[in-house]
Protein backbone atom coordinates (compact mmCIF):
# COMPACT_ATOMS: atom_id res chain seq x y z
CA MET A 1 0.03 0.00 0.33
CA THR A 2 3.38 2.80 0.81
CA GLU A 3 4.09 2.07 -2.77
CA ALA A 4 0.87 2.59 -4.18
CA ALA A 5 -0.12 5.85 -1.99
CA GLU A 6 3.85 7.41 -2.23
CA PRO A 7 2.46 8.81 -5.80
CA VAL A 8 -0.52 10.43 -4.22
CA TRP A 9 1.76 12.43 -1.60
CA ALA A 10 4.53 13.66 -4.04
CA GLU A 11 1.82 14.84 -6.41
CA SER A 12 0.57 17.58 -3.84
CA TYR A 13 1.38 16.82 -0.68
CA ASP A 14 -2.21 17.60 0.36
CA GLY A 15 -2.89 14.69 3.34
CA ALA A 16 -6.36 15.09 2.71
CA ALA A 17 -5.59 13.24 -0.67
CA LEU A 18 -3.64 11.14 0.82
CA GLN A 19 -6.34 9.68 3.59
CA ALA A 20 -8.94 9.78 0.63
CA PHE A 21 -6.49 8.00 -1.20
CA LEU A 22 -6.09 5.12 1.56
CA LYS A 23 -9.20 5.05 2.02
CA GLU A 24 -10.99 4.37 -1.13
CA ARG A 25 -8.85 1.47 -0.59
CA GLY A 26 -9.82 0.02 2.08
CA CYS A 27 -6.92 0.96 4.05
CA ASP A 28 -7.80 2.61 7.77
CA GLY A 29 -7.24 2.94 11.51
CA THR A 30 -3.97 1.87 11.89
CA ASP A 31 -2.54 0.64 9.03
CA ALA A 32 -3.77 3.56 7.37
CA VAL A 33 -1.36 5.79 9.97
CA ARG A 34 1.57 3.33 9.76
CA VAL A 35 0.98 3.93 5.67
CA THR A 36 0.85 7.53 6.36
CA MET A 37 4.60 7.52 8.72
CA GLN A 38 6.06 5.79 5.42
CA VAL A 39 4.71 7.93 2.63
CA VAL A 40 5.10 11.08 4.69
CA GLU A 41 8.20 10.04 6.59
CA CYS A 42 6.62 11.49 10.09
CA GLY A 43 6.09 10.03 13.99
CA LEU A 44 3.33 8.48 15.06
CA ALA A 45 1.57 12.17 16.48
CA GLU A 46 1.59 13.93 12.80
CA ALA A 47 0.41 10.70 10.85
CA GLN A 48 -2.39 10.42 13.45
CA SER A 49 -2.85 14.33 13.18
CA MET A 50 -3.13 13.92 9.28
CA PHE A 51 -5.01 10.94 9.82
CA PHE A 52 -7.88 12.18 12.69
CA ALA A 53 -8.26 16.00 10.76
CA THR A 54 -9.21 14.86 7.22
CA PRO A 55 -12.75 15.19 6.64
CA CYS A 56 -13.27 11.61 5.33
CA ARG A 57 -11.70 10.16 8.32
CA SER A 58 -14.54 11.97 10.70
CA GLY A 59 -16.13 8.58 11.90
CA GLU A 60 -12.96 7.32 13.25
CA LEU A 61 -12.48 10.89 14.99
CA ALA A 62 -15.73 10.58 16.60
CA PHE A 63 -15.19 7.04 17.36
CA HIS A 64 -11.98 7.54 19.04
CA ASN A 65 -13.21 10.64 20.96
CA ALA A 66 -16.62 8.28 22.44
CA VAL A 67 -13.55 5.63 23.72
CA MET A 68 -11.28 8.55 25.35
CA GLU A 69 -14.39 9.84 26.95
CA GLY A 70 -15.38 6.24 28.29
CA LEU A 71 -12.17 5.87 29.42
CA GLU A 72 -11.79 9.14 31.59
CA ARG A 73 -15.27 8.23 32.83
CA ALA A 74 -14.02 4.84 33.83
CA GLN A 75 -11.18 6.09 35.41
CA THR A 76 -13.17 9.05 37.45
CA THR A 77 -15.97 6.05 38.31
CA ALA A 78 -12.57 4.15 39.35
CA ARG A 79 -11.61 7.53 41.71
CA ASP A 80 -14.31 7.94 43.27
CA ASP A 81 -14.86 4.30 44.32
CA ALA A 82 -12.00 3.95 45.57
CA GLY A 83 -11.97 7.05 48.00
CA VAL A 84 -9.20 8.23 46.10
CA THR A 85 -9.19 12.40 46.36
CA ARG A 86 -9.24 14.67 43.69
CA LEU A 87 -6.74 17.29 44.12
CA SER A 88 -8.82 20.18 43.01
CA GLU A 89 -10.70 18.76 46.48
CA VAL A 90 -7.69 19.25 48.29
CA ARG A 91 -7.72 22.33 50.11
């Protein structure tokens, strides 16, 4: 997939075009981020940002955000259940 995507990136250096190309070919999720890292020659943070910032990946972004919010709620609930005091409550 990397070899097929390289010309798309080289033509315009457009992250949205690259992600649309990958999505059209069924390259999603971590595979798309990995291919982006290889094609753009960037790190994980930049590739993930490029992945989530693209309109064609709005479904993946919504899923990611829902999972993160759920994890944050679970962490808060676990702290509350354990009687852990939040720093904001310490006076």
